[in-house]
Amino acid sequence: MFPHVMGYYAVSCTARGHGVAHLRNAVRELASQLIANNPQIPRRWLNVERSLVARTERSGSVCRLEELKDIASVQGVSDPLDVLNMIHFFRAQGRILYFPQVVFPFIDTVSHLYRSRLICAQS
């Protein structure tokens, strides 16, 4: 009757928040399955991700937006809307931390907190 309903989770809005962690984990699991099995993800985006990982290993976890755009362009992702969609996709998966409103000097001061993630910010 309701094919879009994936399950039922009892959640309490009290201070203890019973069931919230269970619901959060279920949503993360389902989202990762849907994203991982999505054939619509362009292969170019995956090539960009590989290049970003290699860049992070060489140069550290902080990346300027212009650098990311240059890497994307080399991999065939040059349309500004496509680049933005790719950034938001990677951000939604937790593969990058993207701070469009934060300027670079501030990111440099907190980058040690996020060594395992690529951080992308404005110059």
Protein backbone atom coordinates (compact mmCIF):
# COMPACT_ATOMS: atom_id res chain seq x y z
CA MET A 1 0.00 0.00 0.00
CA PHE A 2 2.89 2.38 0.82
CA PRO A 3 5.94 1.12 -1.10
CA HIS A 4 8.03 4.17 -0.14
CA VAL A 5 7.76 3.33 3.58
CA MET A 6 10.96 1.49 4.48
CA GLY A 7 10.22 0.68 8.11
CA TYR A 8 8.87 1.89 11.39
CA TYR A 9 10.95 3.33 14.22
CA ALA A 10 9.55 4.40 17.56
CA VAL A 11 11.25 7.63 18.57
CA SER A 12 10.76 9.69 21.70
CA CYS A 13 11.25 13.45 21.76
CA THR A 14 11.98 13.47 25.47
CA ALA A 15 15.33 14.46 26.89
CA ARG A 16 16.53 10.85 26.67
CA GLY A 17 15.56 10.59 22.99
CA HIS A 18 14.82 6.90 22.97
CA GLY A 19 15.12 5.43 19.50
CA VAL A 20 16.78 8.46 17.87
CA ALA A 21 20.17 6.77 17.49
CA HIS A 22 18.52 3.66 16.02
CA LEU A 23 16.61 5.80 13.49
CA ARG A 24 19.73 7.81 12.62
CA ASN A 25 21.70 4.62 11.95
CA ALA A 26 18.88 3.18 9.81
CA VAL A 27 18.70 6.37 7.72
CA ARG A 28 22.49 6.41 7.23
CA GLU A 29 22.51 2.76 6.21
CA LEU A 30 19.68 3.18 3.71
CA ALA A 31 21.16 6.37 2.29
CA SER A 32 24.57 4.76 1.80
CA GLN A 33 22.95 1.79 0.04
CA LEU A 34 20.96 4.04 -2.27
CA ILE A 35 23.97 6.19 -3.07
CA ALA A 36 26.35 3.26 -3.53
CA ASN A 37 23.96 1.46 -5.89
CA ASN A 38 23.12 4.51 -7.97
CA PRO A 39 24.15 3.92 -11.60
CA GLN A 40 23.50 7.60 -12.35
CA ILE A 41 26.72 8.71 -10.64
CA PRO A 42 29.08 9.76 -13.41
CA ARG A 43 32.35 7.84 -13.56
CA ARG A 44 34.12 11.19 -13.91
CA TRP A 45 33.05 12.05 -10.35
CA LEU A 46 34.69 8.88 -9.08
CA ASN A 47 37.85 9.82 -10.97
CA VAL A 48 37.73 13.24 -9.28
CA GLU A 49 37.39 11.54 -5.91
CA ARG A 50 40.44 9.36 -6.59
CA SER A 51 42.43 12.43 -7.59
CA LEU A 52 41.32 14.24 -4.44
CA VAL A 53 42.39 11.31 -2.26
CA ALA A 54 45.81 11.27 -3.95
CA ARG A 55 46.09 15.04 -3.52
CA THR A 56 45.16 14.77 0.16
CA GLU A 57 47.87 12.16 0.73
CA ARG A 58 50.44 14.46 -0.91
CA SER A 59 49.39 17.91 0.29
CA GLY A 60 47.19 17.57 3.36
CA SER A 61 43.50 17.71 4.00
CA VAL A 62 42.75 21.34 3.18
CA CYS A 63 41.85 22.13 -0.42
CA ARG A 64 40.85 25.46 -1.91
CA LEU A 65 37.71 25.48 -4.02
CA GLU A 66 39.76 26.60 -7.01
CA GLU A 67 42.02 23.56 -6.59
CA LEU A 68 39.03 21.25 -6.51
CA LYS A 69 37.64 22.88 -9.66
CA ASP A 70 41.01 22.44 -11.40
CA ILE A 71 41.15 18.75 -10.44
CA ALA A 72 37.57 18.28 -11.61
CA SER A 73 38.31 20.00 -14.92
CA VAL A 74 41.23 17.66 -15.60
CA GLN A 75 38.85 14.72 -15.05
CA GLY A 76 36.26 16.16 -17.45
CA VAL A 77 33.95 17.83 -14.92
CA SER A 78 34.07 21.47 -15.98
CA ASP A 79 30.45 22.63 -16.00
CA PRO A 80 29.95 24.81 -12.87
CA LEU A 81 26.60 23.20 -12.08
CA ASP A 82 28.06 19.71 -12.46
CA VAL A 83 30.95 20.65 -10.15
CA LEU A 84 28.53 22.00 -7.54
CA ASN A 85 26.37 18.87 -7.76
CA MET A 86 29.46 16.71 -7.38
CA ILE A 87 30.60 18.69 -4.33
CA HIS A 88 27.19 18.36 -2.70
CA PHE A 89 27.11 14.65 -3.51
CA PHE A 90 30.49 14.07 -1.86
CA ARG A 91 29.45 16.24 1.05
CA ALA A 92 26.21 14.27 1.55
CA GLN A 93 28.23 11.05 1.66
CA GLY A 94 30.65 12.48 4.19
CA ARG A 95 33.57 12.17 1.81
CA ILE A 96 34.41 15.86 2.02
CA LEU A 97 33.66 18.69 4.37
CA TYR A 98 32.62 21.72 2.33
CA PHE A 99 32.34 25.16 3.86
CA PRO A 100 31.21 27.66 1.21
CA GLN A 101 30.81 30.51 3.72
CA VAL A 102 34.10 30.07 5.58
CA VAL A 103 37.28 31.73 4.39
CA PHE A 104 40.52 29.81 4.11
CA PRO A 105 42.60 31.20 7.03
CA PHE A 106 40.00 29.98 9.51
CA ILE A 107 39.93 26.53 7.93
CA ASP A 108 43.72 26.30 8.29
CA THR A 109 43.42 26.81 12.05
CA VAL A 110 40.93 23.95 12.56
CA SER A 111 42.18 21.52 9.90
CA HIS A 112 44.03 19.44 12.50
CA LEU A 113 40.63 18.35 13.84
CA TYR A 114 39.66 16.78 10.51
CA ARG A 115 42.84 15.12 9.27
CA SER A 116 40.97 12.16 7.79
CA ARG A 117 38.63 14.29 5.68
CA LEU A 118 39.23 16.59 2.76
CA ILE A 119 38.17 20.10 3.67
CA CYS A 120 37.17 22.41 0.87
CA ALA A 121 36.64 26.14 1.41
CA GLN A 122 36.66 29.48 -0.36
CA SER A 123 39.96 31.31 -0.80
